[in-house]
Protein backbone atom coordinates (compact mmCIF):
# COMPACT_ATOMS: atom_id res chain seq x y z
CA MET A 1 -12.03 17.06 -22.32
CA GLU A 2 -11.45 19.90 -24.72
CA ASP A 3 -10.13 22.36 -22.14
CA GLY A 4 -6.98 20.26 -21.59
CA ARG A 5 -8.12 18.64 -18.36
CA THR A 6 -8.32 14.90 -18.11
CA GLU A 7 -11.43 13.05 -17.11
CA ALA A 8 -11.68 11.68 -13.59
CA VAL A 9 -10.88 8.03 -13.06
CA PRO A 10 -14.27 6.35 -12.64
CA ILE A 11 -14.30 4.27 -9.47
CA GLU A 12 -17.52 2.48 -8.74
CA ALA A 13 -18.65 2.11 -5.15
CA GLY A 14 -17.25 -1.09 -3.75
CA ALA A 15 -14.73 -1.53 -6.59
CA ASP A 16 -11.50 -3.28 -5.72
CA VAL A 17 -8.99 -0.48 -6.28
CA ARG A 18 -6.14 -2.99 -6.10
CA LEU A 19 -7.12 -3.99 -9.63
CA LEU A 20 -6.25 -0.54 -10.98
CA ARG A 21 -3.18 -0.16 -13.14
CA ASP A 22 -0.39 2.07 -11.81
CA SER A 23 -1.28 4.69 -14.42
CA GLU A 24 -4.88 4.80 -13.19
CA ALA A 25 -3.74 5.08 -9.59
CA VAL A 26 -1.36 7.92 -10.54
CA LYS A 27 -4.21 9.77 -12.21
CA ALA A 28 -6.49 9.30 -9.20
CA ALA A 29 -3.73 10.40 -6.82
CA GLU A 30 -3.15 13.49 -8.93
CA GLU A 31 -6.87 14.24 -8.58
CA GLY A 32 -6.38 14.22 -4.81
CA HIS A 33 -7.57 10.74 -3.87
CA GLN A 34 -5.60 9.66 -0.81
CA TRP A 35 -6.54 6.00 -1.34
CA ALA A 36 -4.75 6.13 -4.72
CA TRP A 37 -1.58 7.57 -3.19
CA ASN A 38 -1.70 4.88 -0.50
CA LEU A 39 -2.13 2.22 -3.19
CA LEU A 40 0.92 3.47 -5.09
CA VAL A 41 3.07 3.55 -1.96
CA GLU A 42 1.90 0.06 -1.00
CA ARG A 43 2.70 -1.31 -4.47
CA LEU A 44 6.03 0.39 -4.97
CA ALA A 45 7.42 0.41 -1.44
CA PRO A 46 9.27 -2.93 -1.85
CA ALA A 47 11.12 -1.63 -4.92
CA VAL A 48 12.01 1.65 -3.19
CA TRP A 49 13.19 -0.15 -0.04
CA SER A 50 15.24 -2.54 -2.17
CA GLN A 51 17.11 0.35 -3.76
CA ALA A 52 17.56 2.06 -0.40
CA ARG A 53 19.02 -1.09 1.13
CA ALA A 54 21.17 -2.02 -1.88
CA GLY A 55 24.06 0.04 -0.60
CA GLY A 56 23.96 -1.42 2.88
CA LEU A 57 22.45 1.66 4.47
CA GLY A 58 21.36 1.58 8.08
CA ASP A 59 17.74 1.94 9.10
CA GLN A 60 17.79 5.73 9.43
CA GLU A 61 19.55 6.34 6.13
CA ALA A 62 17.31 3.88 4.27
CA ALA A 63 14.24 5.54 5.79
CA GLU A 64 15.55 8.90 4.58
CA VAL A 65 15.96 7.54 1.04
CA PHE A 66 12.40 6.19 1.22
CA ARG A 67 11.04 9.51 2.49
CA LEU A 68 12.88 11.60 -0.08
CA THR A 69 11.82 9.34 -2.93
CA TRP A 70 8.13 9.68 -2.05
CA MET A 71 8.44 13.40 -1.39
CA ARG A 72 9.93 13.89 -4.86
CA ALA A 73 7.27 11.61 -6.41
CA ALA A 74 4.50 13.69 -4.84
CA ASP A 75 6.05 16.87 -6.25
CA ARG A 76 6.18 15.36 -9.75
CA LEU A 77 3.01 13.29 -9.78
CA SER A 78 1.52 15.10 -12.76
CA THR A 79 4.60 14.43 -14.91
CA PHE A 80 4.52 10.62 -14.85
CA SER A 81 3.60 8.85 -18.05
CA ALA A 82 1.31 5.87 -18.01
CA SER A 83 4.04 3.42 -17.10
CA SER A 84 6.91 5.44 -15.71
CA ILE A 85 6.24 5.74 -11.97
CA ARG A 86 7.73 2.39 -11.01
CA SER A 87 11.04 2.90 -12.83
CA TRP A 88 11.15 6.56 -11.77
CA CYS A 89 10.79 5.61 -8.09
CA GLU A 90 13.48 2.94 -8.38
CA ASP A 91 15.87 5.33 -10.16
CA THR A 92 15.18 8.13 -7.70
CA ALA A 93 15.73 5.88 -4.69
CA GLU A 94 19.02 4.75 -6.20
CA ARG A 95 20.11 8.35 -6.81
CA GLU A 96 19.16 9.33 -3.24
CA ARG A 97 21.06 6.34 -1.86
CA VAL A 98 24.13 7.28 -3.87
CA ARG A 99 23.81 10.90 -2.75
CA ILE A 100 23.57 9.88 0.90
CA THR A 101 26.41 7.36 0.80
CA GLY A 102 28.60 9.13 -1.69
CA LEU A 103 29.14 5.72 -3.33
CA GLN A 104 28.02 4.25 -6.63
């Protein structure tokens, strides 16, 4: 669009949203589609949990890393490039883990 806005992600009725690329899901989530946010969390949760658990954190601390990572992702959703959300979430989870444990 000429006014600087991006076009909506076209989702046909009955389409299998699991076939969307991460970049398409990010765009749809940015447009306010809860299903897209849920899809991103579902896809990326294993990578975020892996980073949270890498330092041997307990359940509560790992859950806090997970929560903080997704809170920060929601705040920055519009800044992700087409392929950066996965690596950003992994890096952020690692930084949060290090911050919580004080270890590297």
